[in-house]
Amino acid sequence: MEADQAASDSVHRPLMDEATFTQNFRGEMPHETHLCYEVQVFEDDSQGPVKEFKSFLRNQAAYYPEQRRHAELLFLDLIRSRKLDKMKHCTITWFISWSPCPDCAEKLVAFLKENSHVSLSIFAARIYTANKGYEAGLRALQAAGAKIAIMTSKEIKYCWETFVDNKGHEFQPEDNNLENFRHNQSQKLEKILKEH
């Protein structure tokens, strides 16, 4: 069953359209959050993963606030539904259009504490600053073992090649304005993570 599921995930997974990718990962202020993810499960003695799946999802918008669900929480629902073996190490890598908000950060910290066999790396296109406490949330994530960074052109290119229906179009390097924006976001994140 696991082999069938892994094969299904790698062959038949949906791809993001170019416009959605550009707006959310290369634009400046998208109104939704997209999360591309890779999950790898390792045996203790294996060189490579014994199970791997990747895809993307976006936040669930709704007219009523109680029906809204952030992309991070949708991912946690998904990963819990997979019932990963706690005896096998699991690495999760996210490429996300906004860094987690304070509420999502709190839930991710709890998830990491409950699942010591999981390693989480988060590459964000930009820092989510709309809610008070976002800095503390990011620091709590780091303290719980998550690696957090701003996406560079290397991660953007990887996402283009892995998660986007790019129709064979070559990845185009980012212009200087976007590179400067990413550099400034990276410096800001570094400062946040160093504060106590």
C-alpha atoms as a PDB file:
ATOM      1  CA  MET A   1       0.000   0.000   0.000  1.00  0.00           C
ATOM      2  CA  GLU A   2       2.759   2.502   0.921  1.00  0.00           C
ATOM      3  CA  ALA A   3       4.607   1.887  -2.361  1.00  0.00           C
ATOM      4  CA  ASP A   4       1.374   2.343  -4.329  1.00  0.00           C
ATOM      5  CA  GLN A   5       0.623   5.585  -2.465  1.00  0.00           C
ATOM      6  CA  ALA A   6       4.154   6.930  -3.015  1.00  0.00           C
ATOM      7  CA  ALA A   7       4.047   6.077  -6.722  1.00  0.00           C
ATOM      8  CA  SER A   8       0.647   7.721  -7.036  1.00  0.00           C
ATOM      9  CA  ASP A   9       1.921  10.856  -5.293  1.00  0.00           C
ATOM     10  CA  SER A  10       4.966  11.207  -7.526  1.00  0.00           C
ATOM     11  CA  VAL A  11       3.305  10.453 -10.875  1.00  0.00           C
ATOM     12  CA  HIS A  12      -0.179  11.924 -10.640  1.00  0.00           C
ATOM     13  CA  ARG A  13       0.243  14.949  -8.429  1.00  0.00           C
ATOM     14  CA  PRO A  14      -1.170  18.245  -9.677  1.00  0.00           C
ATOM     15  CA  LEU A  15       1.078  21.088 -10.733  1.00  0.00           C
ATOM     16  CA  MET A  16       0.559  24.783 -10.042  1.00  0.00           C
ATOM     17  CA  ASP A  17      -0.121  26.994 -13.050  1.00  0.00           C
ATOM     18  CA  GLU A  18       2.515  29.580 -13.991  1.00  0.00           C
ATOM     19  CA  ALA A  19       0.378  32.621 -13.158  1.00  0.00           C
ATOM     20  CA  THR A  20      -0.436  31.363  -9.655  1.00  0.00           C
ATOM     21  CA  PHE A  21       3.217  30.602  -8.991  1.00  0.00           C
ATOM     22  CA  THR A  22       4.385  33.978 -10.278  1.00  0.00           C
ATOM     23  CA  GLN A  23       1.784  35.893  -8.282  1.00  0.00           C
ATOM     24  CA  ASN A  24       2.427  34.024  -5.040  1.00  0.00           C
ATOM     25  CA  PHE A  25       6.154  33.390  -5.085  1.00  0.00           C
ATOM     26  CA  ARG A  26       7.502  36.118  -7.351  1.00  0.00           C
ATOM     27  CA  GLY A  27       4.910  38.855  -6.829  1.00  0.00           C
ATOM     28  CA  GLU A  28       5.035  41.137  -3.839  1.00  0.00           C
ATOM     29  CA  MET A  29       1.752  40.859  -1.914  1.00  0.00           C
ATOM     30  CA  PRO A  30      -0.533  37.923  -2.758  1.00  0.00           C
ATOM     31  CA  HIS A  31      -3.860  37.647  -0.928  1.00  0.00           C
ATOM     32  CA  GLU A  32      -3.599  33.911  -0.317  1.00  0.00           C
ATOM     33  CA  THR A  33      -0.958  31.494   0.876  1.00  0.00           C
ATOM     34  CA  HIS A  34       0.395  28.685  -1.269  1.00  0.00           C
ATOM     35  CA  LEU A  35       2.487  25.944   0.299  1.00  0.00           C
ATOM     36  CA  CYS A  36       4.583  23.540  -1.771  1.00  0.00           C
ATOM     37  CA  TYR A  37       5.774  20.580   0.258  1.00  0.00           C
ATOM     38  CA  GLU A  38       8.063  17.583   0.129  1.00  0.00           C
ATOM     39  CA  VAL A  39       7.920  14.790   2.668  1.00  0.00           C
ATOM     40  CA  GLN A  40      10.615  12.132   2.864  1.00  0.00           C
ATOM     41  CA  VAL A  41      10.542   9.152   5.214  1.00  0.00           C
ATOM     42  CA  PHE A  42      13.785   7.326   6.039  1.00  0.00           C
ATOM     43  CA  GLU A  43      14.625   3.969   7.608  1.00  0.00           C
ATOM     44  CA  ASP A  44      17.438   4.120  10.136  1.00  0.00           C
ATOM     45  CA  ASP A  45      19.915   2.402   7.835  1.00  0.00           C
ATOM     46  CA  SER A  46      18.763   3.657   4.437  1.00  0.00           C
ATOM     47  CA  GLN A  47      20.762   6.038   2.266  1.00  0.00           C
ATOM     48  CA  GLY A  48      17.695   7.493   0.590  1.00  0.00           C
ATOM     49  CA  PRO A  49      14.049   7.898   1.509  1.00  0.00           C
ATOM     50  CA  VAL A  50      11.873   4.787   1.600  1.00  0.00           C
ATOM     51  CA  LYS A  51       8.798   6.916   0.978  1.00  0.00           C
ATOM     52  CA  GLU A  52       8.431  10.344  -0.598  1.00  0.00           C
ATOM     53  CA  PHE A  53       5.547  12.551  -1.594  1.00  0.00           C
ATOM     54  CA  LYS A  54       5.247  16.142  -2.728  1.00  0.00           C
ATOM     55  CA  SER A  55       2.537  18.503  -3.882  1.00  0.00           C
ATOM     56  CA  PHE A  56       1.116  21.897  -3.035  1.00  0.00           C
ATOM     57  CA  LEU A  57      -1.946  23.365  -1.388  1.00  0.00           C
ATOM     58  CA  ARG A  58      -3.341  26.780  -0.568  1.00  0.00           C
ATOM     59  CA  ASN A  59      -5.274  28.321   2.262  1.00  0.00           C
ATOM     60  CA  GLN A  60      -8.996  27.656   2.389  1.00  0.00           C
ATOM     61  CA  ALA A  61     -10.763  30.991   2.073  1.00  0.00           C
ATOM     62  CA  ALA A  62     -14.385  31.341   3.120  1.00  0.00           C
ATOM     63  CA  TYR A  63     -16.955  34.027   3.648  1.00  0.00           C
ATOM     64  CA  TYR A  64     -17.319  33.088   7.309  1.00  0.00           C
ATOM     65  CA  PRO A  65     -14.134  33.364   9.410  1.00  0.00           C
ATOM     66  CA  GLU A  66     -14.773  30.064  11.234  1.00  0.00           C
ATOM     67  CA  GLN A  67     -14.642  28.240   7.879  1.00  0.00           C
ATOM     68  CA  ARG A  68     -11.238  29.642   6.903  1.00  0.00           C
ATOM     69  CA  ARG A  69      -8.200  27.413   7.239  1.00  0.00           C
ATOM     70  CA  HIS A  70      -4.586  28.403   6.752  1.00  0.00           C
ATOM     71  CA  ALA A  71      -2.380  26.368   4.419  1.00  0.00           C
ATOM     72  CA  GLU A  72      -0.127  25.325   7.300  1.00  0.00           C
ATOM     73  CA  LEU A  73      -3.056  23.784   9.183  1.00  0.00           C
ATOM     74  CA  LEU A  74      -4.327  22.052   6.058  1.00  0.00           C
ATOM     75  CA  PHE A  75      -0.887  20.501   5.728  1.00  0.00           C
ATOM     76  CA  LEU A  76      -0.963  19.331   9.356  1.00  0.00           C
ATOM     77  CA  ASP A  77      -4.351  17.708   8.658  1.00  0.00           C
ATOM     78  CA  LEU A  78      -2.829  15.989   5.629  1.00  0.00           C
ATOM     79  CA  ILE A  79       0.306  14.745   7.358  1.00  0.00           C
ATOM     80  CA  ARG A  80      -1.673  13.437  10.320  1.00  0.00           C
ATOM     81  CA  SER A  81      -3.960  11.553   7.923  1.00  0.00           C
ATOM     82  CA  ARG A  82      -0.864   9.789   6.538  1.00  0.00           C
ATOM     83  CA  LYS A  83      -0.231   8.239   9.978  1.00  0.00           C
ATOM     84  CA  LEU A  84       3.536   8.347   9.581  1.00  0.00           C
ATOM     85  CA  ASP A  85       5.515   5.711  11.438  1.00  0.00           C
ATOM     86  CA  LYS A  86       7.081   7.353  14.505  1.00  0.00           C
ATOM     87  CA  MET A  87       9.952   4.873  14.294  1.00  0.00           C
ATOM     88  CA  LYS A  88      11.069   6.335  10.939  1.00  0.00           C
ATOM     89  CA  HIS A  89      12.690   9.742  10.552  1.00  0.00           C
ATOM     90  CA  CYS A  90      10.642  12.154   8.454  1.00  0.00           C
ATOM     91  CA  THR A  91      11.894  15.345   6.809  1.00  0.00           C
ATOM     92  CA  ILE A  92       9.390  17.946   5.681  1.00  0.00           C
ATOM     93  CA  THR A  93      10.392  20.837   3.452  1.00  0.00           C
ATOM     94  CA  TRP A  94       8.034  23.712   2.776  1.00  0.00           C
ATOM     95  CA  PHE A  95       8.239  26.433   0.154  1.00  0.00           C
ATOM     96  CA  ILE A  96       5.546  28.880   1.266  1.00  0.00           C
ATOM     97  CA  SER A  97       4.418  32.252  -0.047  1.00  0.00           C
ATOM     98  CA  TRP A  98       4.085  33.750   3.481  1.00  0.00           C
ATOM     99  CA  SER A  99       5.827  32.731   6.691  1.00  0.00           C
ATOM    100  CA  PRO A 100       3.477  31.221   9.307  1.00  0.00           C
ATOM    101  CA  CYS A 101       1.289  33.552  11.354  1.00  0.00           C
ATOM    102  CA  PRO A 102       1.587  33.384  15.183  1.00  0.00           C
ATOM    103  CA  ASP A 103      -1.372  30.993  15.547  1.00  0.00           C
ATOM    104  CA  CYS A 104      -0.029  28.591  12.907  1.00  0.00           C
ATOM    105  CA  ALA A 105       3.453  28.842  14.416  1.00  0.00           C
ATOM    106  CA  GLU A 106       2.027  27.789  17.797  1.00  0.00           C
ATOM    107  CA  LYS A 107       0.308  24.754  16.260  1.00  0.00           C
ATOM    108  CA  LEU A 108       3.451  23.821  14.333  1.00  0.00           C
ATOM    109  CA  VAL A 109       5.521  24.019  17.520  1.00  0.00           C
ATOM    110  CA  ALA A 110       3.062  21.654  19.233  1.00  0.00           C
ATOM    111  CA  PHE A 111       3.225  19.288  16.236  1.00  0.00           C
ATOM    112  CA  LEU A 112       7.033  19.234  16.318  1.00  0.00           C
ATOM    113  CA  LYS A 113       7.047  18.572  20.073  1.00  0.00           C
ATOM    114  CA  GLU A 114       4.608  15.669  19.599  1.00  0.00           C
ATOM    115  CA  ASN A 115       6.629  14.279  16.678  1.00  0.00           C
ATOM    116  CA  SER A 116      10.310  14.229  17.568  1.00  0.00           C
ATOM    117  CA  HIS A 117      10.960  12.041  14.505  1.00  0.00           C
ATOM    118  CA  VAL A 118      10.026  14.964  12.207  1.00  0.00           C
ATOM    119  CA  SER A 119      12.394  17.662  10.898  1.00  0.00           C
ATOM    120  CA  LEU A 120      10.809  20.763   9.353  1.00  0.00           C
ATOM    121  CA  SER A 121      12.490  23.255   7.012  1.00  0.00           C
ATOM    122  CA  ILE A 122      10.513  26.322   5.937  1.00  0.00           C
ATOM    123  CA  PHE A 123      11.522  28.505   2.992  1.00  0.00           C
ATOM    124  CA  ALA A 124       9.197  31.528   2.846  1.00  0.00           C
ATOM    125  CA  ALA A 125       8.864  33.997  -0.021  1.00  0.00           C
ATOM    126  CA  ARG A 126       8.126  36.782   2.481  1.00  0.00           C
ATOM    127  CA  ILE A 127       7.483  37.399   6.179  1.00  0.00           C
ATOM    128  CA  TYR A 128       3.858  37.565   7.319  1.00  0.00           C
ATOM    129  CA  THR A 129       3.655  40.655   9.537  1.00  0.00           C
ATOM    130  CA  ALA A 130      -0.102  41.319   9.742  1.00  0.00           C
ATOM    131  CA  ASN A 131      -0.615  39.820  13.220  1.00  0.00           C
ATOM    132  CA  LYS A 132       1.010  40.906  16.468  1.00  0.00           C
ATOM    133  CA  GLY A 133       3.419  38.345  17.807  1.00  0.00           C
ATOM    134  CA  TYR A 134       4.685  37.120  14.450  1.00  0.00           C
ATOM    135  CA  GLU A 135       8.282  37.576  15.579  1.00  0.00           C
ATOM    136  CA  ALA A 136       7.768  35.458  18.717  1.00  0.00           C
ATOM    137  CA  GLY A 137       6.021  32.803  16.631  1.00  0.00           C
ATOM    138  CA  LEU A 138       8.983  32.533  14.268  1.00  0.00           C
ATOM    139  CA  ARG A 139      11.414  32.346  17.183  1.00  0.00           C
ATOM    140  CA  ALA A 140       9.301  29.627  18.839  1.00  0.00           C
ATOM    141  CA  LEU A 141       9.382  27.628  15.610  1.00  0.00           C
ATOM    142  CA  GLN A 142      13.152  27.911  15.478  1.00  0.00           C
ATOM    143  CA  ALA A 143      13.434  26.930  19.158  1.00  0.00           C
ATOM    144  CA  ALA A 144      11.301  23.830  18.407  1.00  0.00           C
ATOM    145  CA  GLY A 145      13.859  22.768  15.797  1.00  0.00           C
ATOM    146  CA  ALA A 146      12.378  24.165  12.593  1.00  0.00           C
ATOM    147  CA  LYS A 147      14.790  25.703  10.112  1.00  0.00           C
ATOM    148  CA  ILE A 148      13.404  28.948   8.697  1.00  0.00           C
ATOM    149  CA  ALA A 149      14.777  30.978   5.806  1.00  0.00           C
ATOM    150  CA  ILE A 150      13.653  33.344   3.074  1.00  0.00           C
ATOM    151  CA  MET A 151      13.595  31.744  -0.353  1.00  0.00           C
ATOM    152  CA  THR A 152      16.471  32.605  -2.647  1.00  0.00           C
ATOM    153  CA  SER A 153      16.488  32.314  -6.425  1.00  0.00           C
ATOM    154  CA  LYS A 154      17.784  28.734  -5.890  1.00  0.00           C
ATOM    155  CA  GLU A 155      14.568  27.702  -4.078  1.00  0.00           C
ATOM    156  CA  ILE A 156      12.388  29.676  -6.490  1.00  0.00           C
ATOM    157  CA  LYS A 157      13.990  27.857  -9.429  1.00  0.00           C
ATOM    158  CA  TYR A 158      13.587  24.491  -7.680  1.00  0.00           C
ATOM    159  CA  CYS A 159       9.864  25.191  -7.146  1.00  0.00           C
ATOM    160  CA  TRP A 160       9.507  26.258 -10.792  1.00  0.00           C
ATOM    161  CA  GLU A 161      11.006  22.975 -11.928  1.00  0.00           C
ATOM    162  CA  THR A 162       9.241  20.760  -9.355  1.00  0.00           C
ATOM    163  CA  PHE A 163       5.796  22.179  -8.578  1.00  0.00           C
ATOM    164  CA  VAL A 164       4.837  24.311 -11.597  1.00  0.00           C
ATOM    165  CA  ASP A 165       3.266  23.330 -14.902  1.00  0.00           C
ATOM    166  CA  ASN A 166       5.889  25.447 -16.652  1.00  0.00           C
ATOM    167  CA  LYS A 167       5.170  23.901 -20.087  1.00  0.00           C
ATOM    168  CA  GLY A 168       8.896  23.494 -20.674  1.00  0.00           C
ATOM    169  CA  HIS A 169       9.653  27.212 -20.253  1.00  0.00           C
ATOM    170  CA  GLU A 170      13.065  27.911 -18.804  1.00  0.00           C
ATOM    171  CA  PHE A 171      13.259  29.548 -15.381  1.00  0.00           C
ATOM    172  CA  GLN A 172      13.833  33.287 -15.734  1.00  0.00           C
ATOM    173  CA  PRO A 173      16.112  34.907 -13.141  1.00  0.00           C
ATOM    174  CA  GLU A 174      14.449  37.483 -10.929  1.00  0.00           C
ATOM    175  CA  ASP A 175      14.893  41.191 -11.508  1.00  0.00           C
ATOM    176  CA  ASN A 176      16.983  43.312  -9.137  1.00  0.00           C
ATOM    177  CA  ASN A 177      13.950  44.736  -7.307  1.00  0.00           C
ATOM    178  CA  LEU A 178      12.747  41.281  -6.304  1.00  0.00           C
ATOM    179  CA  GLU A 179      16.280  40.156  -5.415  1.00  0.00           C
ATOM    180  CA  ASN A 180      16.627  43.255  -3.200  1.00  0.00           C
ATOM    181  CA  PHE A 181      13.237  42.548  -1.611  1.00  0.00           C
ATOM    182  CA  ARG A 182      14.312  38.975  -0.800  1.00  0.00           C
ATOM    183  CA  HIS A 183      17.639  40.183   0.582  1.00  0.00           C
ATOM    184  CA  ASN A 184      15.847  42.686   2.858  1.00  0.00           C
ATOM    185  CA  GLN A 185      13.372  40.018   3.998  1.00  0.00           C
ATOM    186  CA  SER A 186      16.263  37.654   4.741  1.00  0.00           C
ATOM    187  CA  GLN A 187      18.038  40.276   6.845  1.00  0.00           C
ATOM    188  CA  LYS A 188      14.803  41.039   8.691  1.00  0.00           C
ATOM    189  CA  LEU A 189      14.216  37.347   9.425  1.00  0.00           C
ATOM    190  CA  GLU A 190      17.794  36.905  10.613  1.00  0.00           C
ATOM    191  CA  LYS A 191      17.337  39.830  13.023  1.00  0.00           C
ATOM    192  CA  ILE A 192      14.000  38.453  14.299  1.00  0.00           C
ATOM    193  CA  LEU A 193      15.474  35.014  14.949  1.00  0.00           C
ATOM    194  CA  LYS A 194      18.438  36.469  16.870  1.00  0.00           C
ATOM    195  CA  GLU A 195      16.253  38.578  19.223  1.00  0.00           C
ATOM    196  CA  HIS A 196      15.275  37.197  22.621  1.00  0.00           C
END
